[in-house]
PDB file of N, CA and C in Angstrom:
ATOM      1  N   MET A   1       0.974  -1.181  -0.058  1.00  0.00           N
ATOM      2  CA  MET A   1      -0.066  -0.002   0.185  1.00  0.00           C
ATOM      3  C   MET A   1       0.754   1.331   0.038  1.00  0.00           C
ATOM      4  N   LYS A   2       0.486   2.144  -0.999  1.00  0.00           N
ATOM      5  CA  LYS A   2       1.222   3.281  -1.022  1.00  0.00           C
ATOM      6  C   LYS A   2       0.636   4.298  -0.043  1.00  0.00           C
ATOM      7  N   ASN A   3       1.838   5.570   0.108  1.00  0.00           N
ATOM      8  CA  ASN A   3       1.649   6.667   0.948  1.00  0.00           C
ATOM      9  C   ASN A   3       1.026   7.482  -0.134  1.00  0.00           C
ATOM     10  N   ASN A   4      -0.127   8.041   0.027  1.00  0.00           N
ATOM     11  CA  ASN A   4      -0.429   9.167  -0.689  1.00  0.00           C
ATOM     12  C   ASN A   4      -0.981  10.456   0.126  1.00  0.00           C
ATOM     13  N   SER A   5       0.202  11.323   0.275  1.00  0.00           N
ATOM     14  CA  SER A   5       0.162  12.495   0.835  1.00  0.00           C
ATOM     15  C   SER A   5      -0.769  13.327   0.792  1.00  0.00           C
ATOM     16  N   LEU A   6      -0.834  13.859  -0.741  1.00  0.00           N
ATOM     17  CA  LEU A   6      -1.559  14.761  -1.262  1.00  0.00           C
ATOM     18  C   LEU A   6      -3.175  14.353  -0.995  1.00  0.00           C
ATOM     19  N   ALA A   7      -3.469  13.239  -1.252  1.00  0.00           N
ATOM     20  CA  ALA A   7      -4.836  12.588  -1.257  1.00  0.00           C
ATOM     21  C   ALA A   7      -4.993  12.522   0.305  1.00  0.00           C
ATOM     22  N   MET A   8      -4.324  12.369   1.534  1.00  0.00           N
ATOM     23  CA  MET A   8      -4.814  12.424   2.885  1.00  0.00           C
ATOM     24  C   MET A   8      -5.254  14.073   3.103  1.00  0.00           C
ATOM     25  N   ILE A   9      -4.143  14.826   2.743  1.00  0.00           N
ATOM     26  CA  ILE A   9      -4.590  16.368   2.932  1.00  0.00           C
ATOM     27  C   ILE A   9      -5.667  16.657   2.047  1.00  0.00           C
ATOM     28  N   ALA A  10      -6.043  16.309   0.855  1.00  0.00           N
ATOM     29  CA  ALA A  10      -6.943  17.015   0.317  1.00  0.00           C
ATOM     30  C   ALA A  10      -8.569  15.727   1.148  1.00  0.00           C
ATOM     31  N   LEU A  11      -8.369  15.167   1.312  1.00  0.00           N
ATOM     32  CA  LEU A  11      -9.306  14.568   2.501  1.00  0.00           C
ATOM     33  C   LEU A  11      -9.929  15.299   3.347  1.00  0.00           C
ATOM     34  N   ILE A  12      -8.823  15.435   4.002  1.00  0.00           N
ATOM     35  CA  ILE A  12      -8.897  16.520   5.355  1.00  0.00           C
ATOM     36  C   ILE A  12      -9.484  17.928   4.893  1.00  0.00           C
ATOM     37  N   ALA A  13      -9.170  18.513   3.954  1.00  0.00           N
ATOM     38  CA  ALA A  13      -9.871  19.742   3.710  1.00  0.00           C
ATOM     39  C   ALA A  13     -10.923  19.174   3.308  1.00  0.00           C
ATOM     40  N   LEU A  14     -11.338  18.515   2.466  1.00  0.00           N
ATOM     41  CA  LEU A  14     -12.862  18.174   2.234  1.00  0.00           C
ATOM     42  C   LEU A  14     -13.749  17.985   3.443  1.00  0.00           C
ATOM     43  N   VAL A  15     -13.088  17.596   4.636  1.00  0.00           N
ATOM     44  CA  VAL A  15     -13.966  17.094   5.686  1.00  0.00           C
ATOM     45  C   VAL A  15     -13.949  18.619   6.529  1.00  0.00           C
ATOM     46  N   ALA A  16     -12.995  19.290   6.238  1.00  0.00           N
ATOM     47  CA  ALA A  16     -12.942  20.770   7.131  1.00  0.00           C
ATOM     48  C   ALA A  16     -13.955  21.520   6.534  1.00  0.00           C
ATOM     49  N   ALA A  17     -14.383  21.542   4.947  1.00  0.00           N
ATOM     50  CA  ALA A  17     -15.297  22.303   4.424  1.00  0.00           C
ATOM     51  C   ALA A  17     -16.522  22.408   5.061  1.00  0.00           C
ATOM     52  N   PRO A  18     -17.218  21.288   5.190  1.00  0.00           N
ATOM     53  CA  PRO A  18     -18.361  21.213   5.650  1.00  0.00           C
ATOM     54  C   PRO A  18     -18.486  21.446   7.398  1.00  0.00           C
ATOM     55  N   ALA A  19     -17.330  21.357   7.771  1.00  0.00           N
ATOM     56  CA  ALA A  19     -17.310  21.363   9.300  1.00  0.00           C
ATOM     57  C   ALA A  19     -17.190  23.064   9.721  1.00  0.00           C
ATOM     58  N   SER A  20     -16.651  23.877   8.822  1.00  0.00           N
ATOM     59  CA  SER A  20     -16.573  25.073   8.985  1.00  0.00           C
ATOM     60  C   SER A  20     -17.910  25.967   8.950  1.00  0.00           C
ATOM     61  N   LEU A  21     -18.904  25.237   8.739  1.00  0.00           N
ATOM     62  CA  LEU A  21     -20.409  25.901   8.523  1.00  0.00           C
ATOM     63  C   LEU A  21     -20.939  25.382   9.610  1.00  0.00           C
ATOM     64  N   ILE A  22     -20.453  24.775  10.928  1.00  0.00           N
ATOM     65  CA  ILE A  22     -21.150  24.295  11.974  1.00  0.00           C
ATOM     66  C   ILE A  22     -21.404  25.647  12.743  1.00  0.00           C
ATOM     67  N   GLY A  23     -20.617  26.505  12.637  1.00  0.00           N
ATOM     68  CA  GLY A  23     -20.582  27.660  13.779  1.00  0.00           C
ATOM     69  C   GLY A  23     -21.377  28.884  12.706  1.00  0.00           C
ATOM     70  N   TYR A  24     -22.106  28.516  11.751  1.00  0.00           N
ATOM     71  CA  TYR A  24     -22.729  29.481  11.007  1.00  0.00           C
ATOM     72  C   TYR A  24     -23.595  30.165  11.442  1.00  0.00           C
ATOM     73  N   ILE A  25     -24.077  31.427  11.158  1.00  0.00           N
ATOM     74  CA  ILE A  25     -24.736  32.481  11.802  1.00  0.00           C
ATOM     75  C   ILE A  25     -25.536  33.166  10.658  1.00  0.00           C
ATOM     76  N   ASP A  26     -26.900  32.807  10.284  1.00  0.00           N
ATOM     77  CA  ASP A  26     -27.762  33.577   9.489  1.00  0.00           C
ATOM     78  C   ASP A  26     -27.688  34.802  10.205  1.00  0.00           C
ATOM     79  N   PRO A  27     -27.123  35.740   9.278  1.00  0.00           N
ATOM     80  CA  PRO A  27     -27.270  37.661   9.470  1.00  0.00           C
ATOM     81  C   PRO A  27     -28.641  37.661   9.572  1.00  0.00           C
ATOM     82  N   ALA A  28     -29.805  36.941   9.042  1.00  0.00           N
ATOM     83  CA  ALA A  28     -31.208  37.465   8.634  1.00  0.00           C
ATOM     84  C   ALA A  28     -31.559  37.169  10.326  1.00  0.00           C
ATOM     85  N   THR A  29     -31.115  36.468  11.069  1.00  0.00           N
ATOM     86  CA  THR A  29     -31.878  35.713  12.377  1.00  0.00           C
ATOM     87  C   THR A  29     -30.874  36.095  13.438  1.00  0.00           C
ATOM     88  N   CYS A  30     -29.926  37.003  13.074  1.00  0.00           N
ATOM     89  CA  CYS A  30     -28.977  37.365  14.308  1.00  0.00           C
ATOM     90  C   CYS A  30     -29.469  38.842  14.935  1.00  0.00           C
ATOM     91  N   PRO A  31     -29.278  38.737  16.281  1.00  0.00           N
ATOM     92  CA  PRO A  31     -29.694  39.346  17.108  1.00  0.00           C
ATOM     93  C   PRO A  31     -28.925  40.652  16.714  1.00  0.00           C
ATOM     94  N   VAL A  32     -29.457  41.877  17.319  1.00  0.00           N
ATOM     95  CA  VAL A  32     -28.905  43.362  16.961  1.00  0.00           C
ATOM     96  C   VAL A  32     -27.581  43.447  17.617  1.00  0.00           C
ATOM     97  N   GLN A  33     -26.590  43.925  17.522  1.00  0.00           N
ATOM     98  CA  GLN A  33     -25.294  43.929  18.020  1.00  0.00           C
ATOM     99  C   GLN A  33     -24.984  45.884  17.973  1.00  0.00           C
ATOM    100  N   ASN A  34     -24.709  46.210  19.385  1.00  0.00           N
ATOM    101  CA  ASN A  34     -24.858  47.423  19.449  1.00  0.00           C
ATOM    102  C   ASN A  34     -22.968  47.742  19.315  1.00  0.00           C
ATOM    103  N   SER A  35     -22.387  46.700  19.962  1.00  0.00           N
ATOM    104  CA  SER A  35     -20.648  46.740  20.103  1.00  0.00           C
ATOM    105  C   SER A  35     -20.211  45.266  19.815  1.00  0.00           C
ATOM    106  N   GLY A  36     -19.278  45.397  19.199  1.00  0.00           N
ATOM    107  CA  GLY A  36     -18.500  44.083  19.283  1.00  0.00           C
ATOM    108  C   GLY A  36     -17.509  43.869  18.392  1.00  0.00           C
ATOM    109  N   PHE A  37     -16.772  42.804  18.514  1.00  0.00           N
ATOM    110  CA  PHE A  37     -15.482  42.232  17.374  1.00  0.00           C
ATOM    111  C   PHE A  37     -16.079  42.554  15.869  1.00  0.00           C
ATOM    112  N   THR A  38     -16.699  41.660  15.641  1.00  0.00           N
ATOM    113  CA  THR A  38     -17.309  41.635  14.229  1.00  0.00           C
ATOM    114  C   THR A  38     -19.159  41.364  14.173  1.00  0.00           C
ATOM    115  N   THR A  39     -19.429  42.041  12.774  1.00  0.00           N
ATOM    116  CA  THR A  39     -21.062  42.162  12.735  1.00  0.00           C
ATOM    117  C   THR A  39     -21.372  40.719  12.342  1.00  0.00           C
ATOM    118  N   CYS A  40     -22.479  40.312  12.317  1.00  0.00           N
ATOM    119  CA  CYS A  40     -23.042  38.840  11.881  1.00  0.00           C
ATOM    120  C   CYS A  40     -23.076  38.794  10.479  1.00  0.00           C
ATOM    121  N   GLN A  41     -22.910  39.819   9.808  1.00  0.00           N
ATOM    122  CA  GLN A  41     -22.887  39.588   8.403  1.00  0.00           C
ATOM    123  C   GLN A  41     -21.276  39.127   8.019  1.00  0.00           C
ATOM    124  N   GLN A  42     -20.513  39.672   8.841  1.00  0.00           N
ATOM    125  CA  GLN A  42     -18.937  39.717   8.607  1.00  0.00           C
ATOM    126  C   GLN A  42     -18.781  38.136   8.876  1.00  0.00           C
ATOM    127  N   ALA A  43     -19.076  37.651   9.833  1.00  0.00           N
ATOM    128  CA  ALA A  43     -19.212  36.515  10.485  1.00  0.00           C
ATOM    129  C   ALA A  43     -19.578  35.476   9.365  1.00  0.00           C
ATOM    130  N   ALA A  44     -20.861  35.618   9.103  1.00  0.00           N
ATOM    131  CA  ALA A  44     -21.672  34.799   7.737  1.00  0.00           C
ATOM    132  C   ALA A  44     -20.345  34.591   6.998  1.00  0.00           C
ATOM    133  N   ASP A  45     -20.251  35.768   6.027  1.00  0.00           N
ATOM    134  CA  ASP A  45     -19.143  35.846   5.015  1.00  0.00           C
ATOM    135  C   ASP A  45     -18.014  35.390   5.375  1.00  0.00           C
ATOM    136  N   GLN A  46     -17.528  35.128   6.601  1.00  0.00           N
ATOM    137  CA  GLN A  46     -16.042  34.628   6.637  1.00  0.00           C
ATOM    138  C   GLN A  46     -16.506  32.939   6.676  1.00  0.00           C
ATOM    139  N   HIS A  47     -17.613  32.614   7.165  1.00  0.00           N
ATOM    140  CA  HIS A  47     -17.638  30.891   7.375  1.00  0.00           C
ATOM    141  C   HIS A  47     -17.757  30.613   5.773  1.00  0.00           C
ATOM    142  N   ILE A  48     -18.609  31.491   5.033  1.00  0.00           N
ATOM    143  CA  ILE A  48     -18.739  30.545   3.611  1.00  0.00           C
ATOM    144  C   ILE A  48     -17.689  30.690   2.775  1.00  0.00           C
ATOM    145  N   LEU A  49     -16.557  31.891   3.087  1.00  0.00           N
ATOM    146  CA  LEU A  49     -15.245  32.096   2.264  1.00  0.00           C
ATOM    147  C   LEU A  49     -14.536  30.714   3.120  1.00  0.00           C
ATOM    148  N   LEU A  50     -14.564  30.765   4.345  1.00  0.00           N
ATOM    149  CA  LEU A  50     -13.662  29.397   4.693  1.00  0.00           C
ATOM    150  C   LEU A  50     -14.241  28.068   4.328  1.00  0.00           C
ATOM    151  N   PHE A  51     -15.372  28.053   3.722  1.00  0.00           N
ATOM    152  CA  PHE A  51     -15.718  26.610   2.899  1.00  0.00           C
ATOM    153  C   PHE A  51     -15.537  26.609   1.772  1.00  0.00           C
ATOM    154  N   TRP A  52     -15.698  27.673   0.987  1.00  0.00           N
ATOM    155  CA  TRP A  52     -15.297  27.387  -0.323  1.00  0.00           C
ATOM    156  C   TRP A  52     -13.840  27.300  -0.573  1.00  0.00           C
ATOM    157  N   GLY A  53     -13.070  28.021   0.346  1.00  0.00           N
ATOM    158  CA  GLY A  53     -11.747  27.878   0.402  1.00  0.00           C
ATOM    159  C   GLY A  53     -10.961  26.453   0.786  1.00  0.00           C
ATOM    160  N   PHE A  54     -11.583  25.734   1.548  1.00  0.00           N
ATOM    161  CA  PHE A  54     -11.400  24.513   1.959  1.00  0.00           C
ATOM    162  C   PHE A  54     -11.679  23.513   0.746  1.00  0.00           C
ATOM    163  N   ALA A  55     -13.059  23.985   0.217  1.00  0.00           N
ATOM    164  CA  ALA A  55     -13.541  22.916  -0.743  1.00  0.00           C
ATOM    165  C   ALA A  55     -12.752  23.022  -1.863  1.00  0.00           C
ATOM    166  N   ALA A  56     -12.291  24.363  -2.508  1.00  0.00           N
ATOM    167  CA  ALA A  56     -11.567  24.320  -3.663  1.00  0.00           C
ATOM    168  C   ALA A  56     -10.255  23.815  -3.451  1.00  0.00           C
ATOM    169  N   PHE A  57      -9.339  23.911  -2.303  1.00  0.00           N
ATOM    170  CA  PHE A  57      -8.325  23.356  -2.012  1.00  0.00           C
ATOM    171  C   PHE A  57      -8.156  21.799  -2.093  1.00  0.00           C
ATOM    172  N   GLY A  58      -9.180  21.135  -1.343  1.00  0.00           N
ATOM    173  CA  GLY A  58      -9.472  19.946  -1.784  1.00  0.00           C
ATOM    174  C   GLY A  58      -9.591  19.331  -2.767  1.00  0.00           C
ATOM    175  N   ILE A  59     -10.069  19.921  -3.594  1.00  0.00           N
ATOM    176  CA  ILE A  59     -10.289  19.359  -5.149  1.00  0.00           C
ATOM    177  C   ILE A  59      -9.538  19.577  -5.915  1.00  0.00           C
ATOM    178  N   LEU A  60      -8.740  21.144  -5.417  1.00  0.00           N
ATOM    179  CA  LEU A  60      -7.538  20.918  -6.424  1.00  0.00           C
ATOM    180  C   LEU A  60      -6.220  20.065  -6.153  1.00  0.00           C
ATOM    181  N   THR A  61      -6.100  19.711  -4.759  1.00  0.00           N
ATOM    182  CA  THR A  61      -5.646  18.618  -4.275  1.00  0.00           C
ATOM    183  C   THR A  61      -5.441  16.931  -4.650  1.00  0.00           C
ATOM    184  N   PHE A  62      -6.730  16.992  -4.633  1.00  0.00           N
ATOM    185  CA  PHE A  62      -7.313  15.443  -5.344  1.00  0.00           C
ATOM    186  C   PHE A  62      -6.773  15.450  -6.723  1.00  0.00           C
ATOM    187  N   VAL A  63      -7.209  16.423  -7.666  1.00  0.00           N
ATOM    188  CA  VAL A  63      -6.509  16.427  -9.025  1.00  0.00           C
ATOM    189  C   VAL A  63      -5.166  16.337  -9.269  1.00  0.00           C
ATOM    190  N   GLY A  64      -4.725  17.132  -8.438  1.00  0.00           N
ATOM    191  CA  GLY A  64      -3.027  16.947  -8.202  1.00  0.00           C
ATOM    192  C   GLY A  64      -2.582  15.871  -7.944  1.00  0.00           C
ATOM    193  N   SER A  65      -3.474  15.382  -7.223  1.00  0.00           N
ATOM    194  CA  SER A  65      -2.560  13.594  -6.704  1.00  0.00           C
ATOM    195  C   SER A  65      -2.834  12.778  -7.660  1.00  0.00           C
ATOM    196  N   PHE A  66      -4.199  12.906  -8.430  1.00  0.00           N
ATOM    197  CA  PHE A  66      -4.288  11.984  -9.446  1.00  0.00           C
ATOM    198  C   PHE A  66      -3.332  12.001 -10.701  1.00  0.00           C
ATOM    199  N   VAL A  67      -3.220  13.256 -10.995  1.00  0.00           N
ATOM    200  CA  VAL A  67      -2.239  13.523 -12.131  1.00  0.00           C
ATOM    201  C   VAL A  67      -0.885  13.262 -11.730  1.00  0.00           C
ATOM    202  N   ALA A  68      -0.518  13.622 -10.412  1.00  0.00           N
ATOM    203  CA  ALA A  68       1.140  13.066 -10.130  1.00  0.00           C
ATOM    204  C   ALA A  68       1.165  11.659 -10.086  1.00  0.00           C
ATOM    205  N   ARG A  69      -0.276  10.813  -9.944  1.00  0.00           N
ATOM    206  CA  ARG A  69      -0.091   9.250 -10.026  1.00  0.00           C
ATOM    207  C   ARG A  69       0.315   8.685 -11.460  1.00  0.00           C
ATOM    208  N   LYS A  70      -0.847   9.668 -12.276  1.00  0.00           N
ATOM    209  CA  LYS A  70      -0.732   8.894 -13.544  1.00  0.00           C
ATOM    210  C   LYS A  70       0.124   9.180 -14.272  1.00  0.00           C
ATOM    211  N   LEU A  71       1.064  10.765 -13.868  1.00  0.00           N
ATOM    212  CA  LEU A  71       2.439  10.811 -14.521  1.00  0.00           C
ATOM    213  C   LEU A  71       3.548   9.863 -14.292  1.00  0.00           C
ATOM    214  N   ALA A  72       3.625   9.394 -12.899  1.00  0.00           N
ATOM    215  CA  ALA A  72       4.262   8.410 -12.146  1.00  0.00           C
ATOM    216  C   ALA A  72       4.552   7.019 -12.716  1.00  0.00           C
ATOM    217  N   ALA A  73       3.082   6.685 -13.375  1.00  0.00           N
ATOM    218  CA  ALA A  73       2.673   5.517 -13.638  1.00  0.00           C
ATOM    219  C   ALA A  73       3.336   5.228 -15.252  1.00  0.00           C
ATOM    220  N   GLN A  74       3.244   6.464 -15.972  1.00  0.00           N
ATOM    221  CA  GLN A  74       3.514   6.641 -17.113  1.00  0.00           C
ATOM    222  C   GLN A  74       5.137   6.493 -17.214  1.00  0.00           C
ATOM    223  N   LYS A  75       5.886   7.100 -16.327  1.00  0.00           N
ATOM    224  CA  LYS A  75       7.517   7.019 -16.448  1.00  0.00           C
ATOM    225  C   LYS A  75       8.127   5.741 -16.171  1.00  0.00           C
ATOM    226  N   ARG A  76       7.297   4.874 -15.102  1.00  0.00           N
ATOM    227  CA  ARG A  76       7.712   3.843 -14.888  1.00  0.00           C
ATOM    228  C   ARG A  76       7.763   2.874 -15.894  1.00  0.00           C
ATOM    229  N   PRO A  77       9.083   1.855 -16.007  1.00  0.00           N
ATOM    230  CA  PRO A  77       9.342   1.177 -16.936  1.00  0.00           C
ATOM    231  C   PRO A  77       8.183  -0.284 -16.785  1.00  0.00           C
ATOM    232  N   ARG A  78       8.007  -0.894 -17.963  1.00  0.00           N
ATOM    233  CA  ARG A  78       6.959  -2.013 -17.834  1.00  0.00           C
ATOM    234  C   ARG A  78       7.636  -3.271 -18.163  1.00  0.00           C
TER     235      ARG A  78
END
């Protein structure tokens, strides 16, 4: 069994994508904040951006892993 580090990293990123939505705050139902570090809309935007970032990284890493395996298989003598 071969160790495919890129695929493992991709899997972690793809699991982290939906996990990043666990703390999602819907700005429409958020209570009014008078003062604070961030607004509800900013927090929601950050969660969505994090989701898409993890998802894109995971997909690109899986594709890179697949391409690297195919190239290595072509270079091996038969």
